[in-house]
Amino acid sequence: MSNVYIIGAQSTGKTTLVNALEAQLETERNANDCIGLQRPSVIREVARTVLKEKKYSREDITASPTRALQLQKDILQAQYEAETVANVENTTSWYMCDRSGLDPVVYTACFVGDEAAAEMLESRIWLELESRMRKGVVILCEAGGQWLIDDGVRLMPTDSREWTRIDTTFRTLLDTRCIAYSILSHDLVDLSKRVEYVRSIIEGSARVN
């Protein structure tokens, strides 16, 4: 099984999707459904932990380029450590990530600058994460629709144009770094159908591999 990365701009339903996928696979396991996918390890969104433990605020992302860059570097490091632990300790054949190593690079490009993002793309940590993503299944949750909810923790886009800009940066970097991905349309709002769509991609990848 390939590892799975659920990525995209903030407030595009990523965590909701990961939780729903996990719950469905757990239900199948409890029912001893041998036809279903094996339940993966799940790597939760590391950014929340970094924000809390290192005492960042979401305002740091837009108010201070220096703090914003350090935050994204810390998130990149945390993602690397989480995936490394999952590779070593994983008792299943795959893991599912709520976000990826690309996310902090995207936010660096959008809120610090292209030069800083380019430096991150040359780092040993990113190159290892990139290698894993190229071997995995990447789902880009499209910005737009009815997912934009302020949870008081994560950065919120100032308007739809900024939301779209972040989404576009994801696509640009995925394309330029030759990371294959599938787009989960914002028009597909029913959660069960979103889960079904992602499962079809995961299962299709498993058959190919």
N, C-alpha and C. Protein backbone atom coordinates (compact mmCIF):
# COMPACT_ATOMS: atom_id res chain seq x y z
N MET A 1 0.83 -1.20 0.00
CA MET A 1 0.00 0.00 0.00
C MET A 1 0.86 1.25 0.00
N SER A 2 0.47 2.22 -0.78
CA SER A 2 1.16 3.51 -0.78
C SER A 2 0.67 4.37 0.37
N ASN A 3 1.55 5.20 0.89
CA ASN A 3 1.14 6.17 1.90
C ASN A 3 0.26 7.23 1.25
N VAL A 4 -0.59 7.86 2.04
CA VAL A 4 -1.56 8.81 1.52
C VAL A 4 -1.36 10.17 2.17
N TYR A 5 -1.40 11.22 1.36
CA TYR A 5 -1.25 12.59 1.85
C TYR A 5 -2.49 13.38 1.46
N ILE A 6 -3.18 13.91 2.46
CA ILE A 6 -4.35 14.77 2.22
C ILE A 6 -3.89 16.20 2.45
N ILE A 7 -3.81 16.99 1.39
CA ILE A 7 -3.19 18.30 1.48
C ILE A 7 -4.10 19.37 0.88
N GLY A 8 -3.65 20.63 1.01
CA GLY A 8 -4.40 21.74 0.42
C GLY A 8 -4.39 22.95 1.32
N ALA A 9 -4.99 24.01 0.83
CA ALA A 9 -5.10 25.26 1.60
C ALA A 9 -5.89 25.02 2.88
N GLN A 10 -5.80 25.96 3.80
CA GLN A 10 -6.53 25.83 5.06
C GLN A 10 -8.03 25.80 4.81
N SER A 11 -8.72 25.12 5.70
CA SER A 11 -10.20 25.07 5.67
C SER A 11 -10.76 24.53 4.36
N THR A 12 -10.19 23.41 3.91
CA THR A 12 -10.72 22.74 2.72
C THR A 12 -11.23 21.34 3.06
N GLY A 13 -11.43 21.07 4.34
CA GLY A 13 -12.03 19.80 4.76
C GLY A 13 -11.06 18.65 4.90
N LYS A 14 -9.77 18.94 5.05
CA LYS A 14 -8.77 17.87 5.09
C LYS A 14 -8.90 16.99 6.34
N THR A 15 -8.90 17.62 7.50
CA THR A 15 -8.97 16.86 8.75
C THR A 15 -10.29 16.10 8.85
N THR A 16 -11.37 16.73 8.45
CA THR A 16 -12.68 16.06 8.44
C THR A 16 -12.63 14.81 7.57
N LEU A 17 -11.99 14.92 6.43
CA LEU A 17 -11.87 13.80 5.50
C LEU A 17 -11.01 12.69 6.10
N VAL A 18 -9.86 13.04 6.66
CA VAL A 18 -8.98 12.05 7.27
C VAL A 18 -9.70 11.30 8.38
N ASN A 19 -10.40 12.04 9.23
CA ASN A 19 -11.12 11.41 10.34
C ASN A 19 -12.20 10.45 9.83
N ALA A 20 -12.90 10.86 8.78
CA ALA A 20 -13.96 10.02 8.23
C ALA A 20 -13.39 8.75 7.59
N LEU A 21 -12.29 8.89 6.88
CA LEU A 21 -11.63 7.72 6.30
C LEU A 21 -11.17 6.76 7.38
N GLU A 22 -10.55 7.32 8.41
CA GLU A 22 -10.05 6.49 9.51
C GLU A 22 -11.20 5.74 10.19
N ALA A 23 -12.30 6.45 10.44
CA ALA A 23 -13.44 5.83 11.11
C ALA A 23 -14.03 4.71 10.26
N GLN A 24 -14.13 4.93 8.96
CA GLN A 24 -14.69 3.90 8.09
C GLN A 24 -13.82 2.65 8.07
N LEU A 25 -12.51 2.84 7.98
CA LEU A 25 -11.60 1.70 7.95
C LEU A 25 -11.59 0.96 9.28
N GLU A 26 -11.73 1.70 10.37
CA GLU A 26 -11.80 1.07 11.69
C GLU A 26 -13.07 0.23 11.82
N THR A 27 -14.17 0.75 11.31
CA THR A 27 -15.43 0.00 11.34
C THR A 27 -15.30 -1.29 10.55
N GLU A 28 -14.66 -1.22 9.40
CA GLU A 28 -14.47 -2.42 8.58
C GLU A 28 -13.58 -3.43 9.28
N ARG A 29 -12.55 -2.93 9.96
CA ARG A 29 -11.66 -3.85 10.68
C ARG A 29 -12.40 -4.55 11.80
N ASN A 30 -13.21 -3.80 12.53
CA ASN A 30 -13.97 -4.39 13.64
C ASN A 30 -14.99 -5.40 13.14
N ALA A 31 -15.45 -5.21 11.91
CA ALA A 31 -16.41 -6.14 11.33
C ALA A 31 -15.72 -7.31 10.64
N ASN A 32 -14.38 -7.33 10.74
CA ASN A 32 -13.58 -8.39 10.10
C ASN A 32 -13.83 -8.46 8.60
N ASP A 33 -13.93 -7.29 8.00
CA ASP A 33 -14.15 -7.23 6.55
C ASP A 33 -12.80 -7.36 5.85
N CYS A 34 -12.51 -8.53 5.37
CA CYS A 34 -11.21 -8.77 4.75
C CYS A 34 -11.08 -8.10 3.38
N ILE A 35 -12.23 -7.68 2.84
CA ILE A 35 -12.19 -7.05 1.52
C ILE A 35 -11.73 -5.60 1.63
N GLY A 36 -12.00 -4.96 2.76
CA GLY A 36 -11.67 -3.55 2.92
C GLY A 36 -10.18 -3.30 3.04
N LEU A 37 -9.80 -2.03 2.96
CA LEU A 37 -8.41 -1.64 3.12
C LEU A 37 -7.96 -1.87 4.56
N GLN A 38 -6.69 -2.22 4.71
CA GLN A 38 -6.12 -2.32 6.05
C GLN A 38 -6.06 -0.93 6.67
N ARG A 39 -6.39 -0.82 7.93
CA ARG A 39 -6.40 0.48 8.60
C ARG A 39 -4.98 1.01 8.72
N PRO A 40 -4.75 2.26 8.32
CA PRO A 40 -3.40 2.81 8.37
C PRO A 40 -3.09 3.45 9.71
N SER A 41 -1.82 3.73 9.93
CA SER A 41 -1.46 4.69 10.97
C SER A 41 -1.83 6.07 10.45
N VAL A 42 -2.19 6.97 11.34
CA VAL A 42 -2.59 8.31 10.92
C VAL A 42 -1.64 9.34 11.54
N ILE A 43 -1.07 10.18 10.70
CA ILE A 43 -0.23 11.28 11.17
C ILE A 43 -1.09 12.53 11.18
N ARG A 44 -1.39 13.00 12.40
CA ARG A 44 -2.25 14.17 12.54
C ARG A 44 -1.52 15.44 12.11
N GLU A 45 -2.28 16.48 11.93
CA GLU A 45 -1.72 17.77 11.53
C GLU A 45 -0.68 18.23 12.55
N VAL A 46 0.59 18.28 12.14
CA VAL A 46 1.65 18.62 13.08
C VAL A 46 1.70 20.11 13.37
N ALA A 47 1.13 20.94 12.50
CA ALA A 47 1.21 22.40 12.68
C ALA A 47 0.57 22.84 13.99
N ARG A 48 -0.53 22.21 14.36
CA ARG A 48 -1.20 22.58 15.61
C ARG A 48 -0.28 22.37 16.81
N THR A 49 0.42 21.24 16.81
CA THR A 49 1.33 20.93 17.92
C THR A 49 2.48 21.92 17.96
N VAL A 50 3.03 22.24 16.79
CA VAL A 50 4.13 23.21 16.72
C VAL A 50 3.68 24.58 17.22
N LEU A 51 2.52 25.03 16.78
CA LEU A 51 1.99 26.33 17.22
C LEU A 51 1.87 26.38 18.74
N LYS A 52 1.40 25.30 19.33
CA LYS A 52 1.18 25.27 20.77
C LYS A 52 2.49 25.14 21.54
N GLU A 53 3.32 24.18 21.16
CA GLU A 53 4.54 23.91 21.91
C GLU A 53 5.56 25.03 21.80
N LYS A 54 5.65 25.66 20.65
CA LYS A 54 6.64 26.71 20.44
C LYS A 54 6.05 28.11 20.58
N LYS A 55 4.79 28.14 21.00
CA LYS A 55 4.12 29.41 21.33
C LYS A 55 4.09 30.41 20.17
N TYR A 56 3.79 29.89 19.00
CA TYR A 56 3.52 30.77 17.87
C TYR A 56 2.04 31.17 17.89
N SER A 57 1.75 32.27 17.23
CA SER A 57 0.35 32.64 16.99
C SER A 57 0.14 32.66 15.49
N ARG A 58 -1.10 32.56 15.06
CA ARG A 58 -1.35 32.58 13.62
C ARG A 58 -1.00 33.93 13.01
N GLU A 59 -0.99 34.98 13.85
CA GLU A 59 -0.62 36.31 13.35
C GLU A 59 0.85 36.36 12.96
N ASP A 60 1.67 35.48 13.56
CA ASP A 60 3.09 35.45 13.21
C ASP A 60 3.29 35.17 11.72
N ILE A 61 2.36 34.46 11.12
CA ILE A 61 2.52 34.06 9.72
C ILE A 61 2.48 35.27 8.79
N THR A 62 1.66 36.25 9.14
CA THR A 62 1.50 37.41 8.26
C THR A 62 2.20 38.67 8.78
N ALA A 63 2.43 38.75 10.09
CA ALA A 63 2.97 39.99 10.66
C ALA A 63 4.49 40.03 10.67
N SER A 64 5.14 38.87 10.73
CA SER A 64 6.59 38.83 10.85
C SER A 64 7.17 37.78 9.91
N PRO A 65 7.80 38.19 8.81
CA PRO A 65 8.40 37.21 7.90
C PRO A 65 9.42 36.31 8.59
N THR A 66 10.17 36.85 9.53
CA THR A 66 11.17 36.05 10.24
C THR A 66 10.50 34.95 11.06
N ARG A 67 9.47 35.33 11.83
CA ARG A 67 8.74 34.34 12.63
C ARG A 67 8.00 33.36 11.72
N ALA A 68 7.46 33.87 10.63
CA ALA A 68 6.73 33.01 9.70
C ALA A 68 7.64 31.94 9.12
N LEU A 69 8.85 32.34 8.74
CA LEU A 69 9.79 31.39 8.16
C LEU A 69 10.21 30.34 9.18
N GLN A 70 10.50 30.78 10.40
CA GLN A 70 10.91 29.83 11.43
C GLN A 70 9.78 28.86 11.75
N LEU A 71 8.56 29.36 11.79
CA LEU A 71 7.40 28.50 12.03
C LEU A 71 7.31 27.42 10.96
N GLN A 72 7.44 27.80 9.71
CA GLN A 72 7.31 26.82 8.63
C GLN A 72 8.46 25.82 8.64
N LYS A 73 9.65 26.26 9.01
CA LYS A 73 10.78 25.33 9.15
C LYS A 73 10.52 24.34 10.27
N ASP A 74 9.95 24.83 11.37
CA ASP A 74 9.63 23.94 12.49
C ASP A 74 8.55 22.93 12.10
N ILE A 75 7.58 23.37 11.31
CA ILE A 75 6.53 22.46 10.85
C ILE A 75 7.12 21.41 9.91
N LEU A 76 8.01 21.83 9.03
CA LEU A 76 8.67 20.89 8.12
C LEU A 76 9.44 19.83 8.90
N GLN A 77 10.17 20.27 9.92
CA GLN A 77 10.93 19.35 10.76
C GLN A 77 10.00 18.38 11.49
N ALA A 78 8.90 18.90 12.02
CA ALA A 78 7.95 18.06 12.75
C ALA A 78 7.31 17.02 11.82
N GLN A 79 7.01 17.42 10.59
CA GLN A 79 6.44 16.47 9.63
C GLN A 79 7.44 15.37 9.31
N TYR A 80 8.68 15.75 9.14
CA TYR A 80 9.74 14.77 8.86
C TYR A 80 9.86 13.77 10.00
N GLU A 81 9.87 14.28 11.22
CA GLU A 81 10.01 13.40 12.39
C GLU A 81 8.81 12.47 12.52
N ALA A 82 7.61 13.00 12.28
CA ALA A 82 6.40 12.18 12.40
C ALA A 82 6.40 11.05 11.36
N GLU A 83 6.78 11.37 10.14
CA GLU A 83 6.80 10.34 9.10
C GLU A 83 7.91 9.32 9.34
N THR A 84 9.04 9.79 9.86
CA THR A 84 10.14 8.88 10.15
C THR A 84 9.75 7.89 11.24
N VAL A 85 9.10 8.37 12.28
CA VAL A 85 8.62 7.49 13.34
C VAL A 85 7.61 6.49 12.78
N ALA A 86 6.71 6.98 11.93
CA ALA A 86 5.69 6.09 11.35
C ALA A 86 6.34 5.00 10.50
N ASN A 87 7.40 5.34 9.79
CA ASN A 87 8.09 4.34 8.97
C ASN A 87 8.75 3.27 9.82
N VAL A 88 9.26 3.67 10.98
CA VAL A 88 9.97 2.74 11.86
C VAL A 88 9.00 1.90 12.69
N GLU A 89 7.97 2.57 13.24
CA GLU A 89 7.09 1.91 14.20
C GLU A 89 5.80 1.39 13.59
N ASN A 90 5.55 1.69 12.33
CA ASN A 90 4.28 1.35 11.72
C ASN A 90 4.03 -0.15 11.74
N THR A 91 2.94 -0.55 12.37
CA THR A 91 2.57 -1.96 12.42
C THR A 91 1.66 -2.34 11.26
N THR A 92 1.25 -1.35 10.48
CA THR A 92 0.47 -1.60 9.28
C THR A 92 1.35 -1.34 8.07
N SER A 93 0.80 -1.50 6.90
CA SER A 93 1.62 -1.38 5.69
C SER A 93 1.66 0.03 5.12
N TRP A 94 0.91 0.97 5.72
CA TRP A 94 0.87 2.32 5.17
C TRP A 94 0.42 3.31 6.22
N TYR A 95 0.65 4.58 5.94
CA TYR A 95 0.15 5.63 6.83
C TYR A 95 -0.55 6.70 6.00
N MET A 96 -1.40 7.46 6.70
CA MET A 96 -2.18 8.53 6.07
C MET A 96 -1.86 9.83 6.79
N CYS A 97 -1.48 10.86 6.02
CA CYS A 97 -1.06 12.14 6.59
C CYS A 97 -2.12 13.22 6.41
N ASP A 98 -2.43 13.89 7.49
CA ASP A 98 -3.24 15.10 7.45
C ASP A 98 -2.26 16.25 7.26
N ARG A 99 -2.01 16.64 6.02
CA ARG A 99 -1.00 17.59 5.56
C ARG A 99 0.24 16.82 5.07
N SER A 100 1.28 17.57 4.74
CA SER A 100 2.50 16.97 4.20
C SER A 100 3.66 17.93 4.38
N GLY A 101 4.83 17.49 3.93
CA GLY A 101 5.98 18.38 3.96
C GLY A 101 5.87 19.53 2.98
N LEU A 102 5.00 19.39 1.97
CA LEU A 102 4.85 20.47 1.00
C LEU A 102 4.11 21.67 1.59
N ASP A 103 3.22 21.42 2.54
CA ASP A 103 2.40 22.51 3.08
C ASP A 103 3.22 23.68 3.62
N PRO A 104 4.24 23.44 4.47
CA PRO A 104 5.02 24.58 4.95
C PRO A 104 5.81 25.29 3.86
N VAL A 105 6.17 24.56 2.81
CA VAL A 105 6.86 25.20 1.69
C VAL A 105 5.91 26.15 0.97
N VAL A 106 4.68 25.71 0.78
CA VAL A 106 3.67 26.55 0.13
C VAL A 106 3.44 27.83 0.93
N TYR A 107 3.27 27.69 2.24
CA TYR A 107 3.00 28.88 3.06
C TYR A 107 4.22 29.79 3.14
N THR A 108 5.41 29.22 3.05
CA THR A 108 6.61 30.05 2.97
C THR A 108 6.61 30.85 1.68
N ALA A 109 6.28 30.21 0.57
CA ALA A 109 6.22 30.90 -0.72
C ALA A 109 5.20 32.03 -0.69
N CYS A 110 4.06 31.78 -0.05
CA CYS A 110 2.97 32.77 -0.06
C CYS A 110 3.19 33.91 0.92
N PHE A 111 3.80 33.63 2.08
CA PHE A 111 3.85 34.65 3.14
C PHE A 111 5.26 35.12 3.50
N VAL A 112 6.29 34.47 2.96
CA VAL A 112 7.66 34.93 3.19
C VAL A 112 8.30 35.33 1.86
N GLY A 113 8.29 34.42 0.91
CA GLY A 113 8.85 34.74 -0.40
C GLY A 113 9.38 33.52 -1.12
N ASP A 114 9.52 33.65 -2.43
CA ASP A 114 9.97 32.52 -3.25
C ASP A 114 11.40 32.10 -2.92
N GLU A 115 12.25 33.06 -2.57
CA GLU A 115 13.65 32.73 -2.26
C GLU A 115 13.73 31.83 -1.03
N ALA A 116 12.97 32.18 0.01
CA ALA A 116 12.96 31.37 1.22
C ALA A 116 12.40 29.98 0.94
N ALA A 117 11.35 29.92 0.11
CA ALA A 117 10.77 28.62 -0.25
C ALA A 117 11.77 27.78 -1.03
N ALA A 118 12.52 28.42 -1.92
CA ALA A 118 13.51 27.70 -2.72
C ALA A 118 14.58 27.08 -1.83
N GLU A 119 14.97 27.80 -0.78
CA GLU A 119 15.96 27.26 0.16
C GLU A 119 15.41 26.03 0.88
N MET A 120 14.15 26.08 1.26
CA MET A 120 13.53 24.92 1.91
C MET A 120 13.50 23.72 0.97
N LEU A 121 13.26 23.98 -0.31
CA LEU A 121 13.20 22.90 -1.29
C LEU A 121 14.55 22.24 -1.53
N GLU A 122 15.63 22.90 -1.11
CA GLU A 122 16.96 22.33 -1.25
C GLU A 122 17.42 21.59 -0.01
N SER A 123 16.62 21.64 1.06
CA SER A 123 17.02 21.03 2.33
C SER A 123 16.94 19.51 2.27
N ARG A 124 17.80 18.87 3.05
CA ARG A 124 17.80 17.40 3.12
C ARG A 124 16.46 16.87 3.59
N ILE A 125 15.86 17.56 4.56
CA ILE A 125 14.58 17.12 5.11
C ILE A 125 13.51 17.12 4.03
N TRP A 126 13.42 18.23 3.28
CA TRP A 126 12.40 18.27 2.23
C TRP A 126 12.63 17.20 1.18
N LEU A 127 13.87 17.02 0.74
CA LEU A 127 14.15 16.06 -0.32
C LEU A 127 13.74 14.64 0.08
N GLU A 128 13.89 14.31 1.35
CA GLU A 128 13.44 13.00 1.83
C GLU A 128 11.92 12.92 1.82
N LEU A 129 11.27 13.98 2.30
CA LEU A 129 9.80 14.00 2.30
C LEU A 129 9.26 13.97 0.87
N GLU A 130 9.92 14.69 -0.02
CA GLU A 130 9.49 14.71 -1.42
C GLU A 130 9.56 13.32 -2.03
N SER A 131 10.63 12.59 -1.73
CA SER A 131 10.78 11.24 -2.24
C SER A 131 9.63 10.35 -1.78
N ARG A 132 9.22 10.52 -0.53
CA ARG A 132 8.11 9.73 0.00
C ARG A 132 6.80 10.11 -0.69
N MET A 133 6.61 11.41 -0.91
CA MET A 133 5.37 11.86 -1.55
C MET A 133 5.26 11.34 -2.98
N ARG A 134 6.37 11.31 -3.70
CA ARG A 134 6.34 10.83 -5.08
C ARG A 134 5.94 9.36 -5.16
N LYS A 135 6.20 8.62 -4.10
CA LYS A 135 5.83 7.20 -4.06
C LYS A 135 4.42 7.00 -3.50
N GLY A 136 3.81 8.07 -3.00
CA GLY A 136 2.53 7.95 -2.33
C GLY A 136 1.35 8.39 -3.18
N VAL A 137 0.21 8.44 -2.53
CA VAL A 137 -1.03 8.95 -3.13
C VAL A 137 -1.29 10.32 -2.54
N VAL A 138 -1.34 11.33 -3.38
CA VAL A 138 -1.51 12.71 -2.93
C VAL A 138 -2.88 13.22 -3.38
N ILE A 139 -3.66 13.66 -2.40
CA ILE A 139 -4.99 14.20 -2.68
C ILE A 139 -4.99 15.69 -2.33
N LEU A 140 -5.22 16.54 -3.32
CA LEU A 140 -5.29 17.98 -3.09
C LEU A 140 -6.75 18.39 -2.92
N CYS A 141 -7.09 18.84 -1.72
CA CYS A 141 -8.45 19.33 -1.46
C CYS A 141 -8.56 20.75 -1.99
N GLU A 142 -9.43 20.93 -2.94
CA GLU A 142 -9.54 22.21 -3.65
C GLU A 142 -10.17 23.29 -2.77
N ALA A 143 -9.60 24.49 -2.82
CA ALA A 143 -10.16 25.62 -2.08
C ALA A 143 -11.47 26.06 -2.72
N GLY A 144 -12.34 26.62 -1.88
CA GLY A 144 -13.64 27.07 -2.36
C GLY A 144 -14.74 26.33 -1.63
N GLY A 145 -15.97 26.59 -2.01
CA GLY A 145 -17.08 25.88 -1.39
C GLY A 145 -17.40 26.39 0.00
N GLN A 146 -17.87 25.48 0.85
CA GLN A 146 -18.41 25.87 2.15
C GLN A 146 -17.56 25.42 3.32
N TRP A 147 -16.26 25.23 3.10
CA TRP A 147 -15.41 24.69 4.14
C TRP A 147 -14.74 25.75 5.00
N LEU A 148 -14.83 27.01 4.64
CA LEU A 148 -14.06 28.05 5.31
C LEU A 148 -14.66 28.39 6.66
N ILE A 149 -14.08 27.81 7.73
CA ILE A 149 -14.54 28.03 9.10
C ILE A 149 -13.34 28.40 9.96
N ASP A 150 -13.46 29.47 10.73
CA ASP A 150 -12.38 29.93 11.59
C ASP A 150 -12.40 29.15 12.90
N ASP A 151 -11.32 28.38 13.17
CA ASP A 151 -11.25 27.62 14.42
C ASP A 151 -10.46 28.34 15.50
N GLY A 152 -10.01 29.57 15.21
CA GLY A 152 -9.30 30.36 16.19
C GLY A 152 -7.83 30.01 16.33
N VAL A 153 -7.35 29.00 15.60
CA VAL A 153 -5.97 28.56 15.73
C VAL A 153 -5.20 28.78 14.44
N ARG A 154 -5.71 28.24 13.36
CA ARG A 154 -4.99 28.31 12.09
C ARG A 154 -5.21 29.65 11.39
N LEU A 155 -4.24 29.97 10.53
CA LEU A 155 -4.37 31.18 9.72
C LEU A 155 -5.59 31.07 8.81
N MET A 156 -6.35 32.16 8.74
CA MET A 156 -7.48 32.20 7.83
C MET A 156 -7.15 33.12 6.65
N PRO A 157 -7.54 32.75 5.44
CA PRO A 157 -7.32 33.65 4.31
C PRO A 157 -8.13 34.93 4.48
N THR A 158 -7.54 36.06 4.06
CA THR A 158 -8.24 37.33 4.23
C THR A 158 -9.43 37.44 3.29
N ASP A 159 -9.37 36.75 2.16
CA ASP A 159 -10.49 36.76 1.21
C ASP A 159 -10.33 35.57 0.27
N SER A 160 -11.28 35.42 -0.64
CA SER A 160 -11.26 34.28 -1.55
C SER A 160 -10.06 34.32 -2.49
N ARG A 161 -9.57 35.53 -2.80
CA ARG A 161 -8.41 35.62 -3.68
C ARG A 161 -7.17 35.03 -3.02
N GLU A 162 -6.98 35.30 -1.72
CA GLU A 162 -5.84 34.73 -1.02
C GLU A 162 -5.97 33.22 -0.91
N TRP A 163 -7.19 32.76 -0.65
CA TRP A 163 -7.46 31.32 -0.58
C TRP A 163 -7.09 30.66 -1.90
N THR A 164 -7.48 31.28 -3.00
CA THR A 164 -7.18 30.76 -4.33
C THR A 164 -5.69 30.81 -4.61
N ARG A 165 -5.03 31.86 -4.14
CA ARG A 165 -3.58 31.98 -4.35
C ARG A 165 -2.83 30.84 -3.68
N ILE A 166 -3.23 30.48 -2.48
CA ILE A 166 -2.60 29.37 -1.78
C ILE A 166 -2.85 28.07 -2.53
N ASP A 167 -4.08 27.87 -2.97
CA ASP A 167 -4.44 26.68 -3.74
C ASP A 167 -3.60 26.59 -5.01
N THR A 168 -3.45 27.71 -5.70
CA THR A 168 -2.67 27.74 -6.94
C THR A 168 -1.21 27.42 -6.67
N THR A 169 -0.68 27.90 -5.55
CA THR A 169 0.72 27.63 -5.20
C THR A 169 0.93 26.14 -4.95
N PHE A 170 -0.03 25.50 -4.30
CA PHE A 170 0.05 24.05 -4.14
C PHE A 170 0.18 23.37 -5.49
N ARG A 171 -0.69 23.72 -6.41
CA ARG A 171 -0.69 23.07 -7.73
C ARG A 171 0.62 23.32 -8.48
N THR A 172 1.09 24.57 -8.40
CA THR A 172 2.33 24.92 -9.10
C THR A 172 3.50 24.11 -8.58
N LEU A 173 3.63 24.03 -7.25
CA LEU A 173 4.75 23.29 -6.67
C LEU A 173 4.63 21.79 -6.92
N LEU A 174 3.43 21.25 -6.83
CA LEU A 174 3.25 19.83 -7.14
C LEU A 174 3.67 19.54 -8.58
N ASP A 175 3.28 20.42 -9.48
CA ASP A 175 3.63 20.22 -10.90
C ASP A 175 5.13 20.36 -11.13
N THR A 176 5.73 21.41 -10.59
CA THR A 176 7.15 21.66 -10.84
C THR A 176 8.04 20.62 -10.16
N ARG A 177 7.57 20.05 -9.05
CA ARG A 177 8.35 19.02 -8.34
C ARG A 177 8.01 17.61 -8.83
N CYS A 178 7.16 17.52 -9.85
CA CYS A 178 6.80 16.23 -10.46
C CYS A 178 6.20 15.26 -9.45
N ILE A 179 5.30 15.79 -8.61
CA ILE A 179 4.57 14.96 -7.65
C ILE A 179 3.17 14.76 -8.20
N ALA A 180 2.82 13.54 -8.52
CA ALA A 180 1.48 13.26 -9.06
C ALA A 180 0.43 13.47 -7.97
N TYR A 181 -0.74 13.97 -8.36
CA TYR A 181 -1.79 14.23 -7.38
C TYR A 181 -3.16 14.17 -8.04
N SER A 182 -4.16 13.96 -7.22
CA SER A 182 -5.56 14.00 -7.66
C SER A 182 -6.25 15.14 -6.94
N ILE A 183 -7.16 15.81 -7.62
CA ILE A 183 -7.88 16.94 -7.04
C ILE A 183 -9.23 16.48 -6.52
N LEU A 184 -9.50 16.80 -5.26
CA LEU A 184 -10.82 16.58 -4.68
C LEU A 184 -11.59 17.89 -4.81
N SER A 185 -12.54 17.92 -5.71
CA SER A 185 -13.25 19.16 -6.05
C SER A 185 -14.02 19.73 -4.86
N HIS A 186 -14.01 21.06 -4.75
CA HIS A 186 -14.80 21.70 -3.70
C HIS A 186 -16.29 21.55 -3.95
N ASP A 187 -16.66 21.21 -5.18
CA ASP A 187 -18.07 21.00 -5.50
C ASP A 187 -18.61 19.69 -4.92
N LEU A 188 -17.71 18.77 -4.58
CA LEU A 188 -18.13 17.51 -3.97
C LEU A 188 -18.16 17.74 -2.46
N VAL A 189 -19.33 18.07 -1.94
CA VAL A 189 -19.44 18.49 -0.54
C VAL A 189 -19.94 17.39 0.38
N ASP A 190 -20.63 16.39 -0.15
CA ASP A 190 -21.12 15.30 0.69
C ASP A 190 -19.94 14.48 1.21
N LEU A 191 -19.81 14.37 2.53
CA LEU A 191 -18.63 13.74 3.11
C LEU A 191 -18.50 12.28 2.70
N SER A 192 -19.60 11.56 2.67
CA SER A 192 -19.52 10.14 2.29
C SER A 192 -19.02 9.98 0.86
N LYS A 193 -19.39 10.91 -0.01
CA LYS A 193 -18.93 10.85 -1.40
C LYS A 193 -17.47 11.26 -1.51
N ARG A 194 -17.04 12.19 -0.66
CA ARG A 194 -15.63 12.56 -0.64
C ARG A 194 -14.78 11.36 -0.21
N VAL A 195 -15.25 10.66 0.82
CA VAL A 195 -14.55 9.46 1.28
C VAL A 195 -14.52 8.41 0.18
N GLU A 196 -15.65 8.21 -0.47
CA GLU A 196 -15.73 7.21 -1.54
C GLU A 196 -14.76 7.55 -2.68
N TYR A 197 -14.67 8.83 -3.02
CA TYR A 197 -13.77 9.25 -4.09
C TYR A 197 -12.31 8.96 -3.73
N VAL A 198 -11.93 9.33 -2.52
CA VAL A 198 -10.54 9.12 -2.10
C VAL A 198 -10.23 7.63 -2.00
N ARG A 199 -11.17 6.86 -1.48
CA ARG A 199 -10.95 5.41 -1.38
C ARG A 199 -10.75 4.79 -2.76
N SER A 200 -11.47 5.27 -3.73
CA SER A 200 -11.32 4.71 -5.08
C SER A 200 -9.92 4.95 -5.62
N ILE A 201 -9.34 6.10 -5.28
CA ILE A 201 -7.98 6.41 -5.72
C ILE A 201 -6.98 5.54 -4.98
N ILE A 202 -7.16 5.40 -3.67
CA ILE A 202 -6.25 4.58 -2.87
C ILE A 202 -6.29 3.13 -3.34
N GLU A 203 -7.49 2.60 -3.53
CA GLU A 203 -7.63 1.21 -3.95
C GLU A 203 -7.09 1.00 -5.36
N GLY A 204 -7.27 1.99 -6.22
CA GLY A 204 -6.72 1.90 -7.57
C GLY A 204 -5.20 1.86 -7.55
N SER A 205 -4.61 2.67 -6.67
CA SER A 205 -3.16 2.68 -6.53
C SER A 205 -2.65 1.35 -6.00
N ALA A 206 -3.39 0.76 -5.07
CA ALA A 206 -2.99 -0.53 -4.49
C ALA A 206 -2.99 -1.62 -5.56
N ARG A 207 -3.95 -1.57 -6.47
CA ARG A 207 -4.01 -2.58 -7.54
C ARG A 207 -2.84 -2.44 -8.50
N VAL A 208 -2.46 -1.19 -8.76
CA VAL A 208 -1.34 -0.94 -9.67
C VAL A 208 -0.03 -1.42 -9.06
N ASN A 209 0.11 -1.13 -7.74
CA ASN A 209 1.35 -1.49 -7.06
C ASN A 209 1.41 -2.97 -6.71
